[in-house]
C-alpha atoms as a PDB file:
ATOM      1  CA  UNK A   1      -9.036   6.260  11.495  1.00  0.00           C
ATOM      2  CA  UNK A   2      -6.590   3.827   9.742  1.00  0.00           C
ATOM      3  CA  UNK A   3      -8.194   0.713   8.168  1.00  0.00           C
ATOM      4  CA  UNK A   4      -6.071  -2.399   7.920  1.00  0.00           C
ATOM      5  CA  UNK A   5      -8.078  -5.471   6.889  1.00  0.00           C
ATOM      6  CA  UNK A   6     -10.770  -5.721   9.449  1.00  0.00           C
ATOM      7  CA  UNK A   7      -8.842  -3.674  12.035  1.00  0.00           C
ATOM      8  CA  UNK A   8      -9.657  -0.049  12.751  1.00  0.00           C
ATOM      9  CA  UNK A   9      -7.093   1.705  14.505  1.00  0.00           C
ATOM     10  CA  UNK A  10      -7.935   5.260  15.903  1.00  0.00           C
ATOM     11  CA  UNK A  11      -5.103   7.658  15.739  1.00  0.00           C
ATOM     12  CA  UNK A  12      -6.538   9.697  18.561  1.00  0.00           C
ATOM     13  CA  UNK A  13      -6.274   6.558  20.998  1.00  0.00           C
ATOM     14  CA  UNK A  14      -9.982   6.173  20.921  1.00  0.00           C
ATOM     15  CA  UNK A  15     -11.513   2.567  20.887  1.00  0.00           C
ATOM     16  CA  UNK A  16     -11.642   1.146  17.390  1.00  0.00           C
ATOM     17  CA  UNK A  17     -15.112   1.288  15.720  1.00  0.00           C
ATOM     18  CA  UNK A  18     -16.578  -1.502  13.526  1.00  0.00           C
ATOM     19  CA  UNK A  19     -15.691  -1.126   9.824  1.00  0.00           C
ATOM     20  CA  UNK A  20     -17.954  -2.096   6.906  1.00  0.00           C
ATOM     21  CA  UNK A  21     -15.648  -3.677   4.284  1.00  0.00           C
ATOM     22  CA  UNK A  22     -18.413  -4.570   1.778  1.00  0.00           C
ATOM     23  CA  UNK A  23     -17.564  -1.944  -0.681  1.00  0.00           C
ATOM     24  CA  UNK A  24     -13.823  -2.613  -0.228  1.00  0.00           C
ATOM     25  CA  UNK A  25     -13.982  -6.068  -1.406  1.00  0.00           C
ATOM     26  CA  UNK A  26     -15.910  -4.821  -4.489  1.00  0.00           C
ATOM     27  CA  UNK A  27     -13.237  -2.347  -5.308  1.00  0.00           C
ATOM     28  CA  UNK A  28     -10.561  -5.014  -4.818  1.00  0.00           C
ATOM     29  CA  UNK A  29     -12.376  -7.158  -7.344  1.00  0.00           C
ATOM     30  CA  UNK A  30     -12.618  -4.264  -9.685  1.00  0.00           C
ATOM     31  CA  UNK A  31      -8.958  -3.504  -9.235  1.00  0.00           C
ATOM     32  CA  UNK A  32      -7.873  -6.946 -10.000  1.00  0.00           C
ATOM     33  CA  UNK A  33     -10.036  -6.998 -13.193  1.00  0.00           C
ATOM     34  CA  UNK A  34      -8.427  -3.737 -14.366  1.00  0.00           C
ATOM     35  CA  UNK A  35      -4.936  -5.118 -13.639  1.00  0.00           C
ATOM     36  CA  UNK A  36      -5.615  -8.186 -15.551  1.00  0.00           C
ATOM     37  CA  UNK A  37      -6.938  -6.064 -18.422  1.00  0.00           C
ATOM     38  CA  UNK A  38      -3.797  -3.981 -18.446  1.00  0.00           C
ATOM     39  CA  UNK A  39      -1.742  -7.163 -18.636  1.00  0.00           C
ATOM     40  CA  UNK A  40      -0.772  -7.481 -14.862  1.00  0.00           C
ATOM     41  CA  UNK A  41      -3.055 -10.372 -13.931  1.00  0.00           C
ATOM     42  CA  UNK A  42      -0.144 -11.739 -11.815  1.00  0.00           C
ATOM     43  CA  UNK A  43       0.683  -8.435 -10.181  1.00  0.00           C
ATOM     44  CA  UNK A  44       3.847  -6.429 -10.641  1.00  0.00           C
ATOM     45  CA  UNK A  45       6.607  -4.823  -8.459  1.00  0.00           C
ATOM     46  CA  UNK A  46       7.190  -1.110  -8.005  1.00  0.00           C
ATOM     47  CA  UNK A  47       9.213   1.204  -5.789  1.00  0.00           C
ATOM     48  CA  UNK A  48       7.754   3.794  -3.388  1.00  0.00           C
ATOM     49  CA  UNK A  49       9.863   6.513  -1.600  1.00  0.00           C
ATOM     50  CA  UNK A  50       9.095   6.972   2.120  1.00  0.00           C
ATOM     51  CA  UNK A  51      10.234   9.450   4.699  1.00  0.00           C
ATOM     52  CA  UNK A  52      12.409   7.900   7.479  1.00  0.00           C
ATOM     53  CA  UNK A  53      10.635  10.095   9.942  1.00  0.00           C
ATOM     54  CA  UNK A  54       7.381   8.248   9.676  1.00  0.00           C
ATOM     55  CA  UNK A  55       7.523   4.980   7.510  1.00  0.00           C
ATOM     56  CA  UNK A  56       4.235   3.543   9.071  1.00  0.00           C
ATOM     57  CA  UNK A  57       1.866   4.884   6.273  1.00  0.00           C
ATOM     58  CA  UNK A  58       4.138   3.351   3.709  1.00  0.00           C
ATOM     59  CA  UNK A  59       4.175   0.047   5.608  1.00  0.00           C
ATOM     60  CA  UNK A  60       0.407   0.164   5.813  1.00  0.00           C
ATOM     61  CA  UNK A  61       0.091   0.951   1.908  1.00  0.00           C
ATOM     62  CA  UNK A  62       2.439  -1.905   1.233  1.00  0.00           C
ATOM     63  CA  UNK A  63       0.191  -4.265   3.303  1.00  0.00           C
ATOM     64  CA  UNK A  64      -2.805  -3.182   1.568  1.00  0.00           C
ATOM     65  CA  UNK A  65      -1.549  -3.551  -1.965  1.00  0.00           C
ATOM     66  CA  UNK A  66       0.019  -6.782  -1.430  1.00  0.00           C
ATOM     67  CA  UNK A  67      -3.429  -8.439  -1.473  1.00  0.00           C
ATOM     68  CA  UNK A  68      -3.726  -7.319  -5.046  1.00  0.00           C
ATOM     69  CA  UNK A  69      -0.333  -8.933  -5.984  1.00  0.00           C
ATOM     70  CA  UNK A  70       1.607  -5.576  -6.036  1.00  0.00           C
ATOM     71  CA  UNK A  71       5.087  -5.914  -4.633  1.00  0.00           C
ATOM     72  CA  UNK A  72       5.704  -2.499  -3.215  1.00  0.00           C
ATOM     73  CA  UNK A  73       9.426  -2.042  -2.548  1.00  0.00           C
ATOM     74  CA  UNK A  74       9.897   0.562   0.070  1.00  0.00           C
ATOM     75  CA  UNK A  75      12.843   2.945  -0.120  1.00  0.00           C
ATOM     76  CA  UNK A  76      13.190   4.576   3.048  1.00  0.00           C
ATOM     77  CA  UNK A  77      14.798   8.136   2.588  1.00  0.00           C
ATOM     78  CA  UNK A  78      16.603  10.149   5.217  1.00  0.00           C
ATOM     79  CA  UNK A  79      15.362  13.759   5.000  1.00  0.00           C
ATOM     80  CA  UNK A  80      18.806  14.908   5.857  1.00  0.00           C
ATOM     81  CA  UNK A  81      20.618  13.202   3.072  1.00  0.00           C
ATOM     82  CA  UNK A  82      20.013  13.328  -0.638  1.00  0.00           C
ATOM     83  CA  UNK A  83      18.245  10.173  -1.777  1.00  0.00           C
ATOM     84  CA  UNK A  84      19.589   8.469  -4.967  1.00  0.00           C
ATOM     85  CA  UNK A  85      17.282   8.041  -7.899  1.00  0.00           C
ATOM     86  CA  UNK A  86      15.994   4.424  -7.947  1.00  0.00           C
ATOM     87  CA  UNK A  87      14.960   3.031 -11.324  1.00  0.00           C
ATOM     88  CA  UNK A  88      13.041  -0.209 -11.618  1.00  0.00           C
ATOM     89  CA  UNK A  89      12.692  -2.296 -14.631  1.00  0.00           C
ATOM     90  CA  UNK A  90       9.488  -4.171 -15.656  1.00  0.00           C
ATOM     91  CA  UNK A  91      11.683  -6.968 -17.133  1.00  0.00           C
END
């Protein structure tokens, strides 16, 4: 089962079940606190290499971390071609 916000999507095509997000919000608060402690109170950007065959998990991850102020820059790589090394600067 995939959880996106308050939606629960079943990979098996079964009806979605209610999801308890109480602990999730506590985890988000703790993540924001730790990011601020590490000097990233306003978030940050980073790259993430994804497979072109199935980019959906990467898109879900991007949506989940965007709420924390993380700008996940997806680099979709074709498995049949060599993907160039991508470097990101924190400046």
